Amino acid sequence: MKTQIFNAADLTDVQLARAAQDIARGAVAVFPTDTVYGIGTYAFNEESISRIYALKNRPAGSALQILTGTVEQAKAITQWGPQAQKLAQAFWPGALTVILPANAAGQPLLRGFAALGIRVPGNRFLVELMTQMGGALASTSANLHGQPTLTQEKDILQTFDGKADYIFLGGTLSPVASSVINLAQHPAHLIREGAVSRARLEQVLGEKID
């Protein structure tokens, strides 16, 4: 297949709008985030989500993250509470993934999992893309399963050119992944300590976390 490749910073308004429309219809895209490169598609499109698992050789038992352009979009698909509000105010947009129970609107995104991993990224291009889409992305790191995460443009092109519908290049990115905290259980559980430290999370929440 022919992959459409763009430098994210150089996209025209027309190109961005067309790409957002295509992704909302099920195109698969590789894009820069505020951490590593990601690969994603419209969160409610089952067929294109299956493509991501196939492209990455990702086991079906590994959930995809949900990226939203705003906190309001995150609230619209989750059971939101005071802890989530504190973390969102302190760290979003940014490199923190928060696991929350789904509400009725978010139930289709669970796909057999107990809760949703939600993040509002700090990459301006990606937020604008989702704003144009009018919806969320189901996403994961842009690498083959079990291989190192990719932060270099050349590696992204070598791995996904001819496989993804779109590749948006954003230069060399940080190798530090987002932190992941589970608020769907009590006490909150830190699954991965990445860009946001345990100490900072505990400070914002005002309590110890597992």
Protein backbone atom coordinates (compact mmCIF):
# COMPACT_ATOMS: atom_id res chain seq x y z
CA MET A 1 0.00 0.00 0.00
CA LYS A 2 1.02 3.63 -0.49
CA THR A 3 1.63 5.46 2.77
CA GLN A 4 1.05 9.20 2.84
CA ILE A 5 4.01 10.77 4.65
CA PHE A 6 4.08 14.30 6.04
CA ASN A 7 6.17 16.39 8.38
CA ALA A 8 3.65 17.20 11.11
CA ALA A 9 4.86 20.80 11.42
CA ASP A 10 4.40 21.47 7.69
CA LEU A 11 0.82 20.23 7.19
CA THR A 12 -1.56 22.71 5.65
CA ASP A 13 -5.03 23.15 7.12
CA VAL A 14 -6.48 21.30 4.15
CA GLN A 15 -4.08 18.36 4.52
CA LEU A 16 -4.77 18.14 8.25
CA ALA A 17 -8.52 18.21 7.74
CA ARG A 18 -8.33 15.50 5.06
CA ALA A 19 -6.12 13.27 7.22
CA ALA A 20 -8.42 13.72 10.23
CA GLN A 21 -11.41 12.79 8.09
CA ASP A 22 -9.64 9.67 6.78
CA ILE A 23 -8.62 8.55 10.28
CA ALA A 24 -12.15 9.13 11.56
CA ARG A 25 -13.25 6.73 8.80
CA GLY A 26 -10.72 4.08 9.82
CA ALA A 27 -7.30 4.98 8.43
CA VAL A 28 -4.31 3.93 10.56
CA ALA A 29 -1.73 6.61 11.34
CA VAL A 30 1.72 6.82 12.93
CA PHE A 31 2.27 10.12 14.72
CA PRO A 32 4.51 11.96 17.18
CA THR A 33 3.31 12.34 20.76
CA ASP A 34 4.86 14.15 23.71
CA THR A 35 6.64 10.88 24.54
CA VAL A 36 7.43 8.25 21.89
CA TYR A 37 5.89 7.79 18.43
CA GLY A 38 2.41 6.26 18.49
CA ILE A 39 0.23 4.34 16.06
CA GLY A 40 -3.52 4.75 16.23
CA THR A 41 -6.92 5.03 14.62
CA TYR A 42 -10.44 6.17 15.46
CA ALA A 43 -11.24 4.61 18.82
CA PHE A 44 -14.64 3.20 17.81
CA ASN A 45 -13.54 1.51 14.56
CA GLU A 46 -13.14 -2.22 15.21
CA GLU A 47 -11.72 -3.11 11.79
CA SER A 48 -8.91 -0.55 11.86
CA ILE A 49 -8.08 -1.41 15.48
CA SER A 50 -7.63 -5.03 14.37
CA ARG A 51 -5.17 -3.74 11.76
CA ILE A 52 -3.05 -2.13 14.48
CA TYR A 53 -2.78 -5.43 16.35
CA ALA A 54 -1.77 -7.16 13.12
CA LEU A 55 0.78 -4.49 12.11
CA LYS A 56 2.49 -4.64 15.50
CA ASN A 57 2.11 -8.40 16.01
CA ARG A 58 0.51 -7.30 19.28
CA PRO A 59 -1.21 -9.96 21.42
CA ALA A 60 -4.97 -9.55 21.69
CA GLY A 61 -4.64 -9.55 25.48
CA SER A 62 -2.81 -6.19 25.45
CA ALA A 63 -5.12 -3.19 25.64
CA LEU A 64 -4.76 -0.04 23.56
CA GLN A 65 -4.60 3.39 25.16
CA ILE A 66 -7.27 5.99 24.46
CA LEU A 67 -5.99 9.45 23.53
CA THR A 68 -8.36 12.41 23.71
CA GLY A 69 -7.86 16.00 22.64
CA THR A 70 -9.44 17.50 25.77
CA VAL A 71 -10.26 16.63 29.36
CA GLU A 72 -13.94 16.98 28.45
CA GLN A 73 -13.57 14.18 25.88
CA ALA A 74 -11.98 11.99 28.55
CA LYS A 75 -14.82 12.72 30.98
CA ALA A 76 -17.37 11.81 28.30
CA ILE A 77 -16.28 8.15 28.19
CA THR A 78 -15.20 7.44 31.79
CA GLN A 79 -16.51 7.37 35.33
CA TRP A 80 -14.81 10.58 36.42
CA GLY A 81 -14.03 11.35 40.04
CA PRO A 82 -12.09 13.71 42.33
CA GLN A 83 -8.79 11.81 41.96
CA ALA A 84 -8.97 11.94 38.18
CA GLN A 85 -9.78 15.65 38.34
CA LYS A 86 -6.72 16.36 40.49
CA LEU A 87 -4.41 14.46 38.15
CA ALA A 88 -5.91 16.02 35.03
CA GLN A 89 -5.48 19.52 36.41
CA ALA A 90 -1.86 18.84 37.35
CA PHE A 91 -0.58 16.77 34.42
CA TRP A 92 -2.82 17.08 31.35
CA PRO A 93 -2.03 17.69 28.65
CA GLY A 94 1.04 15.60 29.30
CA ALA A 95 2.72 12.27 29.87
CA LEU A 96 0.36 10.60 32.34
CA THR A 97 -2.02 7.77 31.48
CA VAL A 98 -4.90 7.35 33.93
CA ILE A 99 -6.84 4.08 34.06
CA LEU A 100 -10.51 4.66 34.84
CA PRO A 101 -13.76 2.68 34.68
CA ALA A 102 -15.77 3.30 31.52
CA ASN A 103 -19.19 4.93 31.60
CA ALA A 104 -22.02 3.90 29.27
CA ALA A 105 -20.56 5.87 26.33
CA GLY A 106 -17.11 4.33 26.87
CA GLN A 107 -18.28 0.73 27.25
CA PRO A 108 -17.65 -0.16 23.57
CA LEU A 109 -13.99 0.86 24.02
CA LEU A 110 -13.33 -1.72 26.76
CA ARG A 111 -13.12 -4.66 24.31
CA GLY A 112 -13.06 -7.18 27.14
CA PHE A 113 -10.81 -5.21 29.49
CA ALA A 114 -11.87 -3.96 32.92
CA ALA A 115 -11.13 -0.25 32.45
CA LEU A 116 -9.80 2.37 30.03
CA GLY A 117 -6.32 3.88 29.94
CA ILE A 118 -6.85 7.57 29.06
CA ARG A 119 -4.41 10.33 28.22
CA VAL A 120 -4.60 13.88 26.90
CA PRO A 121 -1.23 14.28 25.14
CA GLY A 122 0.76 17.48 25.11
CA ASN A 123 1.75 17.33 21.43
CA ARG A 124 -0.01 20.25 19.73
CA PHE A 125 -0.20 18.57 16.33
CA LEU A 126 -1.82 15.47 17.79
CA VAL A 127 -4.36 17.47 19.79
CA GLU A 128 -5.28 19.46 16.67
CA LEU A 129 -5.66 16.21 14.71
CA MET A 130 -8.09 14.85 17.29
CA THR A 131 -9.93 18.16 17.40
CA GLN A 132 -10.40 17.97 13.64
CA MET A 133 -11.50 14.32 13.98
CA GLY A 134 -14.03 15.21 16.65
CA GLY A 135 -13.19 12.05 18.56
CA ALA A 136 -10.65 9.92 20.37
CA LEU A 137 -7.81 7.74 19.11
CA ALA A 138 -7.11 4.17 20.17
CA SER A 139 -3.32 4.15 20.28
CA THR A 140 -0.19 2.31 21.31
CA SER A 141 3.52 2.84 20.84
CA ALA A 142 4.67 2.67 17.21
CA ASN A 143 6.93 -0.36 17.32
CA LEU A 144 6.69 -4.08 16.72
CA HIS A 145 5.59 -6.02 19.78
CA GLY A 146 8.51 -6.86 22.04
CA GLN A 147 10.86 -4.45 20.27
CA PRO A 148 12.20 -1.13 21.63
CA THR A 149 9.98 1.93 21.32
CA LEU A 150 10.82 4.14 18.35
CA THR A 151 11.90 7.76 18.66
CA GLN A 152 13.74 8.31 15.35
CA GLU A 153 12.12 9.21 12.03
CA LYS A 154 14.26 6.76 10.06
CA ASP A 155 13.14 3.87 12.25
CA ILE A 156 9.50 4.86 11.92
CA LEU A 157 9.78 4.94 8.12
CA GLN A 158 11.63 1.64 7.98
CA THR A 159 9.02 -0.08 10.16
CA PHE A 160 5.73 1.39 8.94
CA ASP A 161 6.16 2.83 5.43
CA GLY A 162 3.88 0.78 3.18
CA LYS A 163 1.89 -0.54 6.16
CA ALA A 164 0.19 2.44 7.82
CA ASP A 165 -2.06 4.78 5.84
CA TYR A 166 -0.40 7.90 7.22
CA ILE A 167 2.96 8.68 8.80
CA PHE A 168 3.40 12.08 10.43
CA LEU A 169 7.02 12.81 11.24
CA GLY A 170 7.91 14.95 14.23
CA GLY A 171 11.67 14.72 14.59
CA THR A 172 13.49 12.82 17.33
CA LEU A 173 11.27 12.23 20.36
CA SER A 174 11.86 11.43 24.02
CA PRO A 175 12.50 7.78 24.94
CA VAL A 176 10.64 8.28 28.23
CA ALA A 177 7.13 6.80 28.16
CA SER A 178 4.14 8.14 30.04
CA SER A 179 3.56 7.13 33.63
CA VAL A 180 0.52 4.88 34.11
CA ILE A 181 -1.66 5.01 37.22
CA ASN A 182 -4.71 2.84 37.88
CA LEU A 183 -7.57 4.71 39.57
CA ALA A 184 -10.03 1.89 38.90
CA GLN A 185 -8.92 0.29 42.18
CA HIS A 186 -8.31 1.56 45.70
CA PRO A 187 -5.76 2.55 46.69
CA ALA A 188 -4.51 3.85 43.38
CA HIS A 189 -1.80 1.67 41.84
CA LEU A 190 1.22 2.95 39.88
CA ILE A 191 1.66 0.52 37.00
CA ARG A 192 4.57 2.32 35.31
CA GLU A 193 6.72 5.17 36.57
CA GLY A 194 7.72 7.16 33.52
CA ALA A 195 7.74 10.89 32.87
CA VAL A 196 5.78 11.66 36.06
CA SER A 197 7.33 10.46 39.32
CA ARG A 198 5.60 8.50 42.07
CA ALA A 199 6.44 11.29 44.53
CA ARG A 200 4.78 13.91 42.35
CA LEU A 201 1.65 11.78 41.90
CA GLU A 202 1.36 11.22 45.65
CA GLN A 203 1.85 14.93 46.26
CA VAL A 204 -1.00 15.85 43.90
CA LEU A 205 -3.36 13.12 45.17
CA GLY A 206 -2.51 13.82 48.80
CA GLU A 207 -2.16 10.12 49.60
CA LYS A 208 0.13 7.15 49.17
CA ILE A 209 -0.26 4.93 46.12
CA ASP A 210 0.62 1.28 45.66
